[in-house]
Amino acid sequence: MQKEINENLKKISTWKRIFFLLIYTVIVGIVRMLLWAIILLQIGSALFTGEPNPNILNFGKKLSAYLYHILLFLTYNTDKLPFPFSDWNVTEELDLPDIKK
């Protein structure tokens, strides 16, 4: 058992994953702040115009998909690195349910 733990500690891939986990944890905090801004903007749009702003709606969908991709990586459900360490298209290719248009 101790030998297995020592082998796991020596794997570069494990430490590389931990490094990216730390980076994406910081990015999640930034994305959460942006999502709150989107929520507040959509509330304002709904109050003043009676409907959500389509531009903000689209940006919110993309940002939500990005956050979902990060969470999949952080929880070890995928090994694909999210943006900025991969193409943005990887995030857009996620199988997400269709929402309001």
PDB file of N, CA and C in Angstrom:
ATOM      1  N   MET A   1       0.830  -1.201   0.000  1.00  0.00           N
ATOM      2  CA  MET A   1       0.000   0.000   0.000  1.00  0.00           C
ATOM      3  C   MET A   1       0.871   1.260   0.000  1.00  0.00           C
ATOM      4  N   GLN A   2       1.867   1.278   0.854  1.00  0.00           N
ATOM      5  CA  GLN A   2       2.760   2.428   0.935  1.00  0.00           C
ATOM      6  C   GLN A   2       3.527   2.614  -0.375  1.00  0.00           C
ATOM      7  N   LYS A   3       3.871   1.498  -1.000  1.00  0.00           N
ATOM      8  CA  LYS A   3       4.595   1.562  -2.267  1.00  0.00           C
ATOM      9  C   LYS A   3       3.727   2.186  -3.360  1.00  0.00           C
ATOM     10  N   GLU A   4       2.425   1.839  -3.386  1.00  0.00           N
ATOM     11  CA  GLU A   4       1.492   2.424  -4.348  1.00  0.00           C
ATOM     12  C   GLU A   4       1.362   3.929  -4.156  1.00  0.00           C
ATOM     13  N   ILE A   5       1.265   4.333  -2.908  1.00  0.00           N
ATOM     14  CA  ILE A   5       1.155   5.768  -2.610  1.00  0.00           C
ATOM     15  C   ILE A   5       2.414   6.488  -3.070  1.00  0.00           C
ATOM     16  N   ASN A   6       3.559   5.921  -2.804  1.00  0.00           N
ATOM     17  CA  ASN A   6       4.820   6.534  -3.239  1.00  0.00           C
ATOM     18  C   ASN A   6       4.893   6.638  -4.755  1.00  0.00           C
ATOM     19  N   GLU A   7       4.436   5.605  -5.446  1.00  0.00           N
ATOM     20  CA  GLU A   7       4.430   5.634  -6.911  1.00  0.00           C
ATOM     21  C   GLU A   7       3.490   6.726  -7.420  1.00  0.00           C
ATOM     22  N   ASN A   8       2.323   6.847  -6.808  1.00  0.00           N
ATOM     23  CA  ASN A   8       1.363   7.883  -7.212  1.00  0.00           C
ATOM     24  C   ASN A   8       1.917   9.278  -6.963  1.00  0.00           C
ATOM     25  N   LEU A   9       2.645   9.439  -5.879  1.00  0.00           N
ATOM     26  CA  LEU A   9       3.235  10.744  -5.573  1.00  0.00           C
ATOM     27  C   LEU A   9       4.341  11.120  -6.551  1.00  0.00           C
ATOM     28  N   LYS A  10       4.948  10.135  -7.165  1.00  0.00           N
ATOM     29  CA  LYS A  10       6.036  10.389  -8.106  1.00  0.00           C
ATOM     30  C   LYS A  10       5.553  10.661  -9.525  1.00  0.00           C
ATOM     31  N   LYS A  11       4.282  10.401  -9.796  1.00  0.00           N
ATOM     32  CA  LYS A  11       3.756  10.602 -11.147  1.00  0.00           C
ATOM     33  C   LYS A  11       3.662  12.086 -11.478  1.00  0.00           C
ATOM     34  N   ILE A  12       4.269  12.463 -12.569  1.00  0.00           N
ATOM     35  CA  ILE A  12       4.208  13.852 -13.025  1.00  0.00           C
ATOM     36  C   ILE A  12       2.780  14.215 -13.413  1.00  0.00           C
ATOM     37  N   SER A  13       2.048  13.266 -13.984  1.00  0.00           N
ATOM     38  CA  SER A  13       0.676  13.546 -14.412  1.00  0.00           C
ATOM     39  C   SER A  13      -0.219  13.931 -13.231  1.00  0.00           C
ATOM     40  N   THR A  14       0.024  13.332 -12.071  1.00  0.00           N
ATOM     41  CA  THR A  14      -0.761  13.675 -10.882  1.00  0.00           C
ATOM     42  C   THR A  14      -0.495  15.113 -10.466  1.00  0.00           C
ATOM     43  N   TRP A  15       0.751  15.511 -10.433  1.00  0.00           N
ATOM     44  CA  TRP A  15       1.108  16.865 -10.023  1.00  0.00           C
ATOM     45  C   TRP A  15       0.671  17.894 -11.061  1.00  0.00           C
ATOM     46  N   LYS A  16       0.721  17.494 -12.320  1.00  0.00           N
ATOM     47  CA  LYS A  16       0.253  18.378 -13.392  1.00  0.00           C
ATOM     48  C   LYS A  16      -1.245  18.630 -13.234  1.00  0.00           C
ATOM     49  N   ARG A  17      -1.986  17.569 -12.939  1.00  0.00           N
ATOM     50  CA  ARG A  17      -3.437  17.693 -12.736  1.00  0.00           C
ATOM     51  C   ARG A  17      -3.728  18.605 -11.538  1.00  0.00           C
ATOM     52  N   ILE A  18      -2.998  18.433 -10.456  1.00  0.00           N
ATOM     53  CA  ILE A  18      -3.193  19.276  -9.269  1.00  0.00           C
ATOM     54  C   ILE A  18      -2.918  20.733  -9.605  1.00  0.00           C
ATOM     55  N   PHE A  19      -1.877  20.991 -10.380  1.00  0.00           N
ATOM     56  CA  PHE A  19      -1.560  22.356 -10.802  1.00  0.00           C
ATOM     57  C   PHE A  19      -2.729  22.975 -11.560  1.00  0.00           C
ATOM     58  N   PHE A  20      -3.290  22.225 -12.531  1.00  0.00           N
ATOM     59  CA  PHE A  20      -4.422  22.740 -13.297  1.00  0.00           C
ATOM     60  C   PHE A  20      -5.674  22.877 -12.431  1.00  0.00           C
ATOM     61  N   LEU A  21      -5.860  21.984 -11.468  1.00  0.00           N
ATOM     62  CA  LEU A  21      -6.990  22.104 -10.554  1.00  0.00           C
ATOM     63  C   LEU A  21      -6.934  23.428  -9.793  1.00  0.00           C
ATOM     64  N   LEU A  22      -5.753  23.805  -9.361  1.00  0.00           N
ATOM     65  CA  LEU A  22      -5.599  25.077  -8.639  1.00  0.00           C
ATOM     66  C   LEU A  22      -5.897  26.270  -9.545  1.00  0.00           C
ATOM     67  N   ILE A  23      -5.407  26.215 -10.766  1.00  0.00           N
ATOM     68  CA  ILE A  23      -5.665  27.310 -11.709  1.00  0.00           C
ATOM     69  C   ILE A  23      -7.158  27.433 -11.993  1.00  0.00           C
ATOM     70  N   TYR A  24      -7.813  26.316 -12.256  1.00  0.00           N
ATOM     71  CA  TYR A  24      -9.237  26.366 -12.585  1.00  0.00           C
ATOM     72  C   TYR A  24     -10.106  26.714 -11.386  1.00  0.00           C
ATOM     73  N   THR A  25      -9.627  26.457 -10.189  1.00  0.00           N
ATOM     74  CA  THR A  25     -10.364  26.884  -9.000  1.00  0.00           C
ATOM     75  C   THR A  25     -10.428  28.405  -8.940  1.00  0.00           C
ATOM     76  N   VAL A  26      -9.346  29.069  -9.285  1.00  0.00           N
ATOM     77  CA  VAL A  26      -9.322  30.535  -9.336  1.00  0.00           C
ATOM     78  C   VAL A  26     -10.249  31.037 -10.452  1.00  0.00           C
ATOM     79  N   ILE A  27     -10.188  30.381 -11.609  1.00  0.00           N
ATOM     80  CA  ILE A  27     -11.029  30.782 -12.745  1.00  0.00           C
ATOM     81  C   ILE A  27     -12.508  30.632 -12.401  1.00  0.00           C
ATOM     82  N   VAL A  28     -12.867  29.585 -11.648  1.00  0.00           N
ATOM     83  CA  VAL A  28     -14.262  29.391 -11.238  1.00  0.00           C
ATOM     84  C   VAL A  28     -14.754  30.597 -10.432  1.00  0.00           C
ATOM     85  N   GLY A  29     -13.920  31.126  -9.565  1.00  0.00           N
ATOM     86  CA  GLY A  29     -14.296  32.308  -8.786  1.00  0.00           C
ATOM     87  C   GLY A  29     -14.589  33.508  -9.680  1.00  0.00           C
ATOM     88  N   ILE A  30     -13.773  33.698 -10.695  1.00  0.00           N
ATOM     89  CA  ILE A  30     -13.972  34.808 -11.630  1.00  0.00           C
ATOM     90  C   ILE A  30     -15.247  34.600 -12.443  1.00  0.00           C
ATOM     91  N   VAL A  31     -15.459  33.376 -12.911  1.00  0.00           N
ATOM     92  CA  VAL A  31     -16.651  33.066 -13.710  1.00  0.00           C
ATOM     93  C   VAL A  31     -17.914  33.253 -12.870  1.00  0.00           C
ATOM     94  N   ARG A  32     -17.864  32.870 -11.602  1.00  0.00           N
ATOM     95  CA  ARG A  32     -19.031  33.059 -10.730  1.00  0.00           C
ATOM     96  C   ARG A  32     -19.390  34.543 -10.603  1.00  0.00           C
ATOM     97  N   MET A  33     -18.381  35.401 -10.480  1.00  0.00           N
ATOM     98  CA  MET A  33     -18.655  36.839 -10.404  1.00  0.00           C
ATOM     99  C   MET A  33     -19.291  37.331 -11.704  1.00  0.00           C
ATOM    100  N   LEU A  34     -18.781  36.863 -12.841  1.00  0.00           N
ATOM    101  CA  LEU A  34     -19.366  37.251 -14.124  1.00  0.00           C
ATOM    102  C   LEU A  34     -20.811  36.764 -14.258  1.00  0.00           C
ATOM    103  N   LEU A  35     -21.075  35.565 -13.766  1.00  0.00           N
ATOM    104  CA  LEU A  35     -22.442  35.043 -13.831  1.00  0.00           C
ATOM    105  C   LEU A  35     -23.398  35.873 -12.973  1.00  0.00           C
ATOM    106  N   TRP A  36     -22.940  36.328 -11.821  1.00  0.00           N
ATOM    107  CA  TRP A  36     -23.784  37.207 -11.001  1.00  0.00           C
ATOM    108  C   TRP A  36     -24.059  38.520 -11.730  1.00  0.00           C
ATOM    109  N   ALA A  37     -23.074  39.039 -12.430  1.00  0.00           N
ATOM    110  CA  ALA A  37     -23.283  40.264 -13.210  1.00  0.00           C
ATOM    111  C   ALA A  37     -24.317  40.021 -14.304  1.00  0.00           C
ATOM    112  N   ILE A  38     -24.241  38.876 -14.963  1.00  0.00           N
ATOM    113  CA  ILE A  38     -25.213  38.531 -16.004  1.00  0.00           C
ATOM    114  C   ILE A  38     -26.611  38.409 -15.410  1.00  0.00           C
ATOM    115  N   ILE A  39     -26.703  37.765 -14.260  1.00  0.00           N
ATOM    116  CA  ILE A  39     -27.999  37.620 -13.596  1.00  0.00           C
ATOM    117  C   ILE A  39     -28.602  38.989 -13.299  1.00  0.00           C
ATOM    118  N   LEU A  40     -27.797  39.876 -12.748  1.00  0.00           N
ATOM    119  CA  LEU A  40     -28.293  41.222 -12.409  1.00  0.00           C
ATOM    120  C   LEU A  40     -28.672  42.008 -13.664  1.00  0.00           C
ATOM    121  N   LEU A  41     -27.877  41.871 -14.720  1.00  0.00           N
ATOM    122  CA  LEU A  41     -28.207  42.553 -15.972  1.00  0.00           C
ATOM    123  C   LEU A  41     -29.505  42.022 -16.570  1.00  0.00           C
ATOM    124  N   GLN A  42     -29.712  40.730 -16.495  1.00  0.00           N
ATOM    125  CA  GLN A  42     -30.946  40.153 -17.039  1.00  0.00           C
ATOM    126  C   GLN A  42     -32.157  40.562 -16.196  1.00  0.00           C
ATOM    127  N   ILE A  43     -31.986  40.667 -14.899  1.00  0.00           N
ATOM    128  CA  ILE A  43     -33.078  41.162 -14.053  1.00  0.00           C
ATOM    129  C   ILE A  43     -33.422  42.593 -14.453  1.00  0.00           C
ATOM    130  N   GLY A  44     -32.392  43.415 -14.635  1.00  0.00           N
ATOM    131  CA  GLY A  44     -32.620  44.800 -15.074  1.00  0.00           C
ATOM    132  C   GLY A  44     -33.301  44.851 -16.420  1.00  0.00           C
ATOM    133  N   SER A  45     -32.860  44.017 -17.348  1.00  0.00           N
ATOM    134  CA  SER A  45     -33.473  43.976 -18.675  1.00  0.00           C
ATOM    135  C   SER A  45     -34.930  43.545 -18.590  1.00  0.00           C
ATOM    136  N   ALA A  46     -35.213  42.554 -17.761  1.00  0.00           N
ATOM    137  CA  ALA A  46     -36.589  42.076 -17.608  1.00  0.00           C
ATOM    138  C   ALA A  46     -37.479  43.146 -16.988  1.00  0.00           C
ATOM    139  N   LEU A  47     -36.928  43.910 -16.061  1.00  0.00           N
ATOM    140  CA  LEU A  47     -37.721  44.964 -15.426  1.00  0.00           C
ATOM    141  C   LEU A  47     -38.009  46.123 -16.377  1.00  0.00           C
ATOM    142  N   PHE A  48     -37.018  46.502 -17.181  1.00  0.00           N
ATOM    143  CA  PHE A  48     -37.178  47.676 -18.043  1.00  0.00           C
ATOM    144  C   PHE A  48     -37.807  47.370 -19.401  1.00  0.00           C
ATOM    145  N   THR A  49     -37.508  46.204 -19.967  1.00  0.00           N
ATOM    146  CA  THR A  49     -38.030  45.908 -21.305  1.00  0.00           C
ATOM    147  C   THR A  49     -39.072  44.784 -21.316  1.00  0.00           C
ATOM    148  N   GLY A  50     -39.166  44.056 -20.228  1.00  0.00           N
ATOM    149  CA  GLY A  50     -40.140  42.981 -20.154  1.00  0.00           C
ATOM    150  C   GLY A  50     -39.643  41.660 -20.693  1.00  0.00           C
ATOM    151  N   GLU A  51     -38.411  41.609 -21.161  1.00  0.00           N
ATOM    152  CA  GLU A  51     -37.845  40.353 -21.679  1.00  0.00           C
ATOM    153  C   GLU A  51     -36.331  40.352 -21.506  1.00  0.00           C
ATOM    154  N   PRO A  52     -35.739  39.179 -21.509  1.00  0.00           N
ATOM    155  CA  PRO A  52     -34.281  39.114 -21.363  1.00  0.00           C
ATOM    156  C   PRO A  52     -33.571  39.628 -22.614  1.00  0.00           C
ATOM    157  N   ASN A  53     -32.401  40.174 -22.401  1.00  0.00           N
ATOM    158  CA  ASN A  53     -31.571  40.666 -23.496  1.00  0.00           C
ATOM    159  C   ASN A  53     -30.961  39.467 -24.230  1.00  0.00           C
ATOM    160  N   PRO A  54     -31.193  39.330 -25.550  1.00  0.00           N
ATOM    161  CA  PRO A  54     -30.682  38.150 -26.271  1.00  0.00           C
ATOM    162  C   PRO A  54     -29.156  38.049 -26.292  1.00  0.00           C
ATOM    163  N   ASN A  55     -28.472  39.183 -26.321  1.00  0.00           N
ATOM    164  CA  ASN A  55     -27.000  39.149 -26.320  1.00  0.00           C
ATOM    165  C   ASN A  55     -26.469  38.629 -24.985  1.00  0.00           C
ATOM    166  N   ILE A  56     -27.054  39.111 -23.903  1.00  0.00           N
ATOM    167  CA  ILE A  56     -26.636  38.660 -22.576  1.00  0.00           C
ATOM    168  C   ILE A  56     -27.043  37.206 -22.376  1.00  0.00           C
ATOM    169  N   LEU A  57     -28.187  36.820 -22.936  1.00  0.00           N
ATOM    170  CA  LEU A  57     -28.660  35.440 -22.850  1.00  0.00           C
ATOM    171  C   LEU A  57     -27.661  34.484 -23.501  1.00  0.00           C
ATOM    172  N   ASN A  58     -27.172  34.842 -24.670  1.00  0.00           N
ATOM    173  CA  ASN A  58     -26.199  34.015 -25.386  1.00  0.00           C
ATOM    174  C   ASN A  58     -24.877  33.943 -24.628  1.00  0.00           C
ATOM    175  N   PHE A  59     -24.426  35.080 -24.113  1.00  0.00           N
ATOM    176  CA  PHE A  59     -23.177  35.093 -23.348  1.00  0.00           C
ATOM    177  C   PHE A  59     -23.322  34.261 -22.076  1.00  0.00           C
ATOM    178  N   GLY A  60     -24.476  34.351 -21.427  1.00  0.00           N
ATOM    179  CA  GLY A  60     -24.725  33.568 -20.226  1.00  0.00           C
ATOM    180  C   GLY A  60     -24.709  32.074 -20.507  1.00  0.00           C
ATOM    181  N   LYS A  61     -25.244  31.684 -21.655  1.00  0.00           N
ATOM    182  CA  LYS A  61     -25.247  30.268 -22.035  1.00  0.00           C
ATOM    183  C   LYS A  61     -23.820  29.771 -22.237  1.00  0.00           C
ATOM    184  N   LYS A  62     -23.005  30.554 -22.943  1.00  0.00           N
ATOM    185  CA  LYS A  62     -21.618  30.155 -23.192  1.00  0.00           C
ATOM    186  C   LYS A  62     -20.805  30.111 -21.903  1.00  0.00           C
ATOM    187  N   LEU A  63     -21.031  31.084 -21.035  1.00  0.00           N
ATOM    188  CA  LEU A  63     -20.306  31.122 -19.772  1.00  0.00           C
ATOM    189  C   LEU A  63     -20.727  29.966 -18.867  1.00  0.00           C
ATOM    190  N   SER A  64     -22.007  29.624 -18.888  1.00  0.00           N
ATOM    191  CA  SER A  64     -22.495  28.490 -18.100  1.00  0.00           C
ATOM    192  C   SER A  64     -21.897  27.183 -18.613  1.00  0.00           C
ATOM    193  N   ALA A  65     -21.797  27.036 -19.930  1.00  0.00           N
ATOM    194  CA  ALA A  65     -21.187  25.838 -20.512  1.00  0.00           C
ATOM    195  C   ALA A  65     -19.715  25.754 -20.132  1.00  0.00           C
ATOM    196  N   TYR A  66     -19.055  26.899 -20.110  1.00  0.00           N
ATOM    197  CA  TYR A  66     -17.643  26.942 -19.726  1.00  0.00           C
ATOM    198  C   TYR A  66     -17.475  26.510 -18.268  1.00  0.00           C
ATOM    199  N   LEU A  67     -18.338  27.028 -17.391  1.00  0.00           N
ATOM    200  CA  LEU A  67     -18.281  26.648 -15.984  1.00  0.00           C
ATOM    201  C   LEU A  67     -18.547  25.147 -15.827  1.00  0.00           C
ATOM    202  N   TYR A  68     -19.504  24.633 -16.581  1.00  0.00           N
ATOM    203  CA  TYR A  68     -19.813  23.210 -16.547  1.00  0.00           C
ATOM    204  C   TYR A  68     -18.593  22.383 -16.972  1.00  0.00           C
ATOM    205  N   HIS A  69     -17.926  22.815 -18.014  1.00  0.00           N
ATOM    206  CA  HIS A  69     -16.728  22.110 -18.491  1.00  0.00           C
ATOM    207  C   HIS A  69     -15.632  22.128 -17.423  1.00  0.00           C
ATOM    208  N   ILE A  70     -15.450  23.256 -16.779  1.00  0.00           N
ATOM    209  CA  ILE A  70     -14.452  23.347 -15.703  1.00  0.00           C
ATOM    210  C   ILE A  70     -14.808  22.390 -14.569  1.00  0.00           C
ATOM    211  N   LEU A  71     -16.082  22.371 -14.180  1.00  0.00           N
ATOM    212  CA  LEU A  71     -16.510  21.494 -13.089  1.00  0.00           C
ATOM    213  C   LEU A  71     -16.340  20.019 -13.448  1.00  0.00           C
ATOM    214  N   LEU A  72     -16.577  19.674 -14.714  1.00  0.00           N
ATOM    215  CA  LEU A  72     -16.322  18.293 -15.145  1.00  0.00           C
ATOM    216  C   LEU A  72     -14.847  17.943 -14.976  1.00  0.00           C
ATOM    217  N   PHE A  73     -13.977  18.891 -15.319  1.00  0.00           N
ATOM    218  CA  PHE A  73     -12.539  18.651 -15.172  1.00  0.00           C
ATOM    219  C   PHE A  73     -12.148  18.564 -13.696  1.00  0.00           C
ATOM    220  N   LEU A  74     -12.655  19.483 -12.877  1.00  0.00           N
ATOM    221  CA  LEU A  74     -12.296  19.494 -11.459  1.00  0.00           C
ATOM    222  C   LEU A  74     -12.750  18.233 -10.731  1.00  0.00           C
ATOM    223  N   THR A  75     -13.846  17.649 -11.177  1.00  0.00           N
ATOM    224  CA  THR A  75     -14.369  16.447 -10.527  1.00  0.00           C
ATOM    225  C   THR A  75     -13.883  15.157 -11.201  1.00  0.00           C
ATOM    226  N   TYR A  76     -12.888  15.287 -12.071  1.00  0.00           N
ATOM    227  CA  TYR A  76     -12.268  14.136 -12.744  1.00  0.00           C
ATOM    228  C   TYR A  76     -13.224  13.408 -13.685  1.00  0.00           C
ATOM    229  N   ASN A  77     -14.279  14.067 -14.150  1.00  0.00           N
ATOM    230  CA  ASN A  77     -15.192  13.451 -15.097  1.00  0.00           C
ATOM    231  C   ASN A  77     -14.702  13.568 -16.533  1.00  0.00           C
ATOM    232  N   THR A  78     -13.712  14.405 -16.757  1.00  0.00           N
ATOM    233  CA  THR A  78     -13.090  14.532 -18.072  1.00  0.00           C
ATOM    234  C   THR A  78     -11.618  14.879 -17.889  1.00  0.00           C
ATOM    235  N   ASP A  79     -10.829  14.473 -18.861  1.00  0.00           N
ATOM    236  CA  ASP A  79      -9.414  14.829 -18.851  1.00  0.00           C
ATOM    237  C   ASP A  79      -9.118  15.968 -19.822  1.00  0.00           C
ATOM    238  N   LYS A  80     -10.147  16.409 -20.549  1.00  0.00           N
ATOM    239  CA  LYS A  80      -9.960  17.515 -21.493  1.00  0.00           C
ATOM    240  C   LYS A  80      -9.841  18.822 -20.722  1.00  0.00           C
ATOM    241  N   LEU A  81      -8.746  19.509 -20.945  1.00  0.00           N
ATOM    242  CA  LEU A  81      -8.548  20.797 -20.277  1.00  0.00           C
ATOM    243  C   LEU A  81      -9.493  21.832 -20.875  1.00  0.00           C
ATOM    244  N   PRO A  82     -10.176  22.594 -20.032  1.00  0.00           N
ATOM    245  CA  PRO A  82     -11.016  23.678 -20.540  1.00  0.00           C
ATOM    246  C   PRO A  82     -10.164  24.837 -21.068  1.00  0.00           C
ATOM    247  N   PHE A  83     -10.822  25.786 -21.731  1.00  0.00           N
ATOM    248  CA  PHE A  83     -10.183  27.010 -22.179  1.00  0.00           C
ATOM    249  C   PHE A  83      -9.551  27.676 -20.957  1.00  0.00           C
ATOM    250  N   PRO A  84      -8.412  28.260 -20.979  1.00  0.00           N
ATOM    251  CA  PRO A  84      -7.548  28.698 -22.058  1.00  0.00           C
ATOM    252  C   PRO A  84      -6.474  27.689 -22.450  1.00  0.00           C
ATOM    253  N   PHE A  85      -6.504  26.497 -21.882  1.00  0.00           N
ATOM    254  CA  PHE A  85      -5.487  25.504 -22.221  1.00  0.00           C
ATOM    255  C   PHE A  85      -5.958  24.568 -23.328  1.00  0.00           C
ATOM    256  N   SER A  86      -7.116  24.835 -23.876  1.00  0.00           N
ATOM    257  CA  SER A  86      -7.605  24.126 -25.054  1.00  0.00           C
ATOM    258  C   SER A  86      -8.429  25.115 -25.863  1.00  0.00           C
ATOM    259  N   ASP A  87      -8.874  24.677 -27.004  1.00  0.00           N
ATOM    260  CA  ASP A  87      -9.676  25.522 -27.877  1.00  0.00           C
ATOM    261  C   ASP A  87     -11.044  25.782 -27.249  1.00  0.00           C
ATOM    262  N   TRP A  88     -11.597  26.966 -27.462  1.00  0.00           N
ATOM    263  CA  TRP A  88     -12.918  27.295 -26.939  1.00  0.00           C
ATOM    264  C   TRP A  88     -13.974  26.348 -27.516  1.00  0.00           C
ATOM    265  N   ASN A  89     -13.750  25.849 -28.729  1.00  0.00           N
ATOM    266  CA  ASN A  89     -14.701  24.944 -29.379  1.00  0.00           C
ATOM    267  C   ASN A  89     -14.927  23.665 -28.576  1.00  0.00           C
ATOM    268  N   VAL A  90     -13.942  23.238 -27.795  1.00  0.00           N
ATOM    269  CA  VAL A  90     -14.100  22.050 -26.961  1.00  0.00           C
ATOM    270  C   VAL A  90     -15.237  22.264 -25.972  1.00  0.00           C
ATOM    271  N   THR A  91     -15.324  23.464 -25.417  1.00  0.00           N
ATOM    272  CA  THR A  91     -16.402  23.791 -24.483  1.00  0.00           C
ATOM    273  C   THR A  91     -17.738  23.863 -25.204  1.00  0.00           C
ATOM    274  N   GLU A  92     -17.753  24.438 -26.392  1.00  0.00           N
ATOM    275  CA  GLU A  92     -19.007  24.572 -27.127  1.00  0.00           C
ATOM    276  C   GLU A  92     -19.528  23.238 -27.644  1.00  0.00           C
ATOM    277  N   GLU A  93     -18.652  22.245 -27.743  1.00  0.00           N
ATOM    278  CA  GLU A  93     -19.069  20.938 -28.234  1.00  0.00           C
ATOM    279  C   GLU A  93     -19.707  20.069 -27.150  1.00  0.00           C
ATOM    280  N   LEU A  94     -19.735  20.548 -25.907  1.00  0.00           N
ATOM    281  CA  LEU A  94     -20.358  19.777 -24.846  1.00  0.00           C
ATOM    282  C   LEU A  94     -21.822  19.553 -25.161  1.00  0.00           C
ATOM    283  N   ASP A  95     -22.340  18.426 -24.751  1.00  0.00           N
ATOM    284  CA  ASP A  95     -23.732  18.079 -25.003  1.00  0.00           C
ATOM    285  C   ASP A  95     -24.610  18.755 -23.938  1.00  0.00           C
ATOM    286  N   LEU A  96     -25.077  19.951 -24.260  1.00  0.00           N
ATOM    287  CA  LEU A  96     -25.907  20.714 -23.324  1.00  0.00           C
ATOM    288  C   LEU A  96     -27.341  20.766 -23.829  1.00  0.00           C
ATOM    289  N   PRO A  97     -28.296  20.822 -22.916  1.00  0.00           N
ATOM    290  CA  PRO A  97     -29.691  20.946 -23.361  1.00  0.00           C
ATOM    291  C   PRO A  97     -29.930  22.308 -24.003  1.00  0.00           C
ATOM    292  N   ASP A  98     -30.849  22.346 -24.945  1.00  0.00           N
ATOM    293  CA  ASP A  98     -31.197  23.594 -25.616  1.00  0.00           C
ATOM    294  C   ASP A  98     -32.006  24.460 -24.659  1.00  0.00           C
ATOM    295  N   ILE A  99     -31.747  25.777 -24.702  1.00  0.00           N
ATOM    296  CA  ILE A  99     -32.477  26.703 -23.836  1.00  0.00           C
ATOM    297  C   ILE A  99     -33.212  27.718 -24.693  1.00  0.00           C
ATOM    298  N   LYS A 100     -33.868  28.666 -24.017  1.00  0.00           N
ATOM    299  CA  LYS A 100     -34.601  29.722 -24.718  1.00  0.00           C
ATOM    300  C   LYS A 100     -33.735  30.406 -25.752  1.00  0.00           C
ATOM    301  N   LYS A 101     -34.359  30.805 -26.837  1.00  0.00           N
ATOM    302  CA  LYS A 101     -33.614  31.544 -27.863  1.00  0.00           C
ATOM    303  C   LYS A 101     -34.278  32.871 -28.091  1.00  0.00           C
TER     304      LYS A 101
END
